[in-house]
Amino acid sequence: MFSEKHVKLADFFIKGNAELRTALGLGESSCLEAVPLGSGEHNVNFLLLADGRDLKRVLRVNLGTQTGNEHQVAYEASALKAL
């Protein structure tokens, strides 16, 4: 479930993030927005929009680690592909 804290965290990450804008091919004047997409026990996911258009990119904010999962990176990668 999304909380105001999660939305503020996503906004903090995308606002003024020149490296992210460059990676997405956006100029400084583009309006970059993170829209809540879905959440799980350990992550919240946001759809990235630029000037209202879907960039087909997801911002995934990790809220905690899964203890005992020795294949965490592969698990996260497959979760992102599913989104």
C-alpha atoms as a PDB file:
ATOM      1  CA  MET A   1       0.000   0.000   0.000  1.00  0.00           C
ATOM      2  CA  PHE A   2       1.243   3.477  -0.834  1.00  0.00           C
ATOM      3  CA  SER A   3       1.653   6.080   1.832  1.00  0.00           C
ATOM      4  CA  GLU A   4       2.339   9.785   1.532  1.00  0.00           C
ATOM      5  CA  LYS A   5       5.882   8.981   2.692  1.00  0.00           C
ATOM      6  CA  HIS A   6       6.416   6.668  -0.317  1.00  0.00           C
ATOM      7  CA  VAL A   7       5.121   9.274  -2.772  1.00  0.00           C
ATOM      8  CA  LYS A   8       7.364  11.947  -1.232  1.00  0.00           C
ATOM      9  CA  LEU A   9      10.344   9.594  -1.451  1.00  0.00           C
ATOM     10  CA  ALA A  10       9.729   8.992  -5.170  1.00  0.00           C
ATOM     11  CA  ASP A  11       9.280  12.729  -5.788  1.00  0.00           C
ATOM     12  CA  PHE A  12      12.499  13.455  -3.902  1.00  0.00           C
ATOM     13  CA  PHE A  13      14.379  10.992  -6.110  1.00  0.00           C
ATOM     14  CA  ILE A  14      13.114  12.341  -9.443  1.00  0.00           C
ATOM     15  CA  LYS A  15      13.057  16.089  -8.737  1.00  0.00           C
ATOM     16  CA  GLY A  16      16.258  17.758  -9.846  1.00  0.00           C
ATOM     17  CA  ASN A  17      17.893  14.421 -10.723  1.00  0.00           C
ATOM     18  CA  ALA A  18      19.961  15.448 -13.760  1.00  0.00           C
ATOM     19  CA  GLU A  19      21.448  11.966 -14.234  1.00  0.00           C
ATOM     20  CA  LEU A  20      17.989  10.406 -14.388  1.00  0.00           C
ATOM     21  CA  ARG A  21      16.781  13.003 -16.886  1.00  0.00           C
ATOM     22  CA  THR A  22      19.838  12.389 -19.051  1.00  0.00           C
ATOM     23  CA  ALA A  23      19.349   8.615 -18.918  1.00  0.00           C
ATOM     24  CA  LEU A  24      15.709   9.086 -19.955  1.00  0.00           C
ATOM     25  CA  GLY A  25      16.623  11.545 -22.729  1.00  0.00           C
ATOM     26  CA  LEU A  26      14.707  14.422 -21.130  1.00  0.00           C
ATOM     27  CA  GLY A  27      15.512  18.095 -21.028  1.00  0.00           C
ATOM     28  CA  GLU A  28      15.413  20.290 -17.938  1.00  0.00           C
ATOM     29  CA  SER A  29      12.019  21.718 -18.874  1.00  0.00           C
ATOM     30  CA  SER A  30      10.263  18.327 -19.040  1.00  0.00           C
ATOM     31  CA  CYS A  31       7.832  17.605 -16.224  1.00  0.00           C
ATOM     32  CA  LEU A  32       8.891  14.252 -14.740  1.00  0.00           C
ATOM     33  CA  GLU A  33       6.291  12.538 -12.561  1.00  0.00           C
ATOM     34  CA  ALA A  34       6.115   9.284 -10.591  1.00  0.00           C
ATOM     35  CA  VAL A  35       2.617   7.751 -10.511  1.00  0.00           C
ATOM     36  CA  PRO A  36       1.868   4.935  -8.044  1.00  0.00           C
ATOM     37  CA  LEU A  37       1.739   1.622  -9.919  1.00  0.00           C
ATOM     38  CA  GLY A  38       1.728  -1.156  -7.347  1.00  0.00           C
ATOM     39  CA  SER A  39       3.333  -2.290  -4.162  1.00  0.00           C
ATOM     40  CA  GLY A  40       4.429  -5.375  -2.340  1.00  0.00           C
ATOM     41  CA  GLU A  41       5.784  -6.272   1.031  1.00  0.00           C
ATOM     42  CA  HIS A  42       9.301  -4.983   0.295  1.00  0.00           C
ATOM     43  CA  ASN A  43       8.890  -2.504  -2.597  1.00  0.00           C
ATOM     44  CA  VAL A  44       6.672   0.221  -4.006  1.00  0.00           C
ATOM     45  CA  ASN A  45       6.596   0.800  -7.760  1.00  0.00           C
ATOM     46  CA  PHE A  46       5.936   3.978  -9.694  1.00  0.00           C
ATOM     47  CA  LEU A  47       5.310   4.527 -13.397  1.00  0.00           C
ATOM     48  CA  LEU A  48       7.442   7.352 -14.770  1.00  0.00           C
ATOM     49  CA  LEU A  49       5.713   9.965 -16.919  1.00  0.00           C
ATOM     50  CA  ALA A  50       7.282  12.883 -18.776  1.00  0.00           C
ATOM     51  CA  ASP A  51       4.936  15.704 -19.731  1.00  0.00           C
ATOM     52  CA  GLY A  52       2.048  13.302 -19.185  1.00  0.00           C
ATOM     53  CA  ARG A  53       3.336  10.558 -21.500  1.00  0.00           C
ATOM     54  CA  ASP A  54       4.232   7.078 -20.350  1.00  0.00           C
ATOM     55  CA  LEU A  55       8.000   6.526 -20.517  1.00  0.00           C
ATOM     56  CA  LYS A  56       7.518   2.753 -20.086  1.00  0.00           C
ATOM     57  CA  ARG A  57       9.907   2.917 -17.143  1.00  0.00           C
ATOM     58  CA  VAL A  58       9.329   1.941 -13.534  1.00  0.00           C
ATOM     59  CA  LEU A  59      10.875   3.501 -10.454  1.00  0.00           C
ATOM     60  CA  ARG A  60      11.105   0.766  -7.816  1.00  0.00           C
ATOM     61  CA  VAL A  61      11.713   1.859  -4.227  1.00  0.00           C
ATOM     62  CA  ASN A  62      12.972  -0.842  -1.915  1.00  0.00           C
ATOM     63  CA  LEU A  63      11.518  -0.648   1.582  1.00  0.00           C
ATOM     64  CA  GLY A  64      13.422  -3.560   3.087  1.00  0.00           C
ATOM     65  CA  THR A  65      15.321  -6.721   2.296  1.00  0.00           C
ATOM     66  CA  GLN A  66      14.019 -10.242   2.134  1.00  0.00           C
ATOM     67  CA  THR A  67      15.969 -12.257   4.642  1.00  0.00           C
ATOM     68  CA  GLY A  68      17.027 -15.694   3.524  1.00  0.00           C
ATOM     69  CA  ASN A  69      16.688 -14.994  -0.197  1.00  0.00           C
ATOM     70  CA  GLU A  70      20.109 -15.797  -1.656  1.00  0.00           C
ATOM     71  CA  HIS A  71      18.931 -14.912  -5.185  1.00  0.00           C
ATOM     72  CA  GLN A  72      17.600 -11.439  -4.378  1.00  0.00           C
ATOM     73  CA  VAL A  73      18.993  -9.740  -7.493  1.00  0.00           C
ATOM     74  CA  ALA A  74      17.498 -12.350  -9.861  1.00  0.00           C
ATOM     75  CA  TYR A  75      14.192 -12.157  -7.983  1.00  0.00           C
ATOM     76  CA  GLU A  76      14.078  -8.344  -8.308  1.00  0.00           C
ATOM     77  CA  ALA A  77      14.973  -8.494 -12.017  1.00  0.00           C
ATOM     78  CA  SER A  78      12.162 -10.965 -12.753  1.00  0.00           C
ATOM     79  CA  ALA A  79       9.701  -8.815 -10.775  1.00  0.00           C
ATOM     80  CA  LEU A  80      10.626  -5.767 -12.858  1.00  0.00           C
ATOM     81  CA  LYS A  81      10.246  -7.701 -16.105  1.00  0.00           C
ATOM     82  CA  ALA A  82       6.769  -8.776 -15.007  1.00  0.00           C
ATOM     83  CA  LEU A  83       5.784  -5.128 -14.503  1.00  0.00           C
END
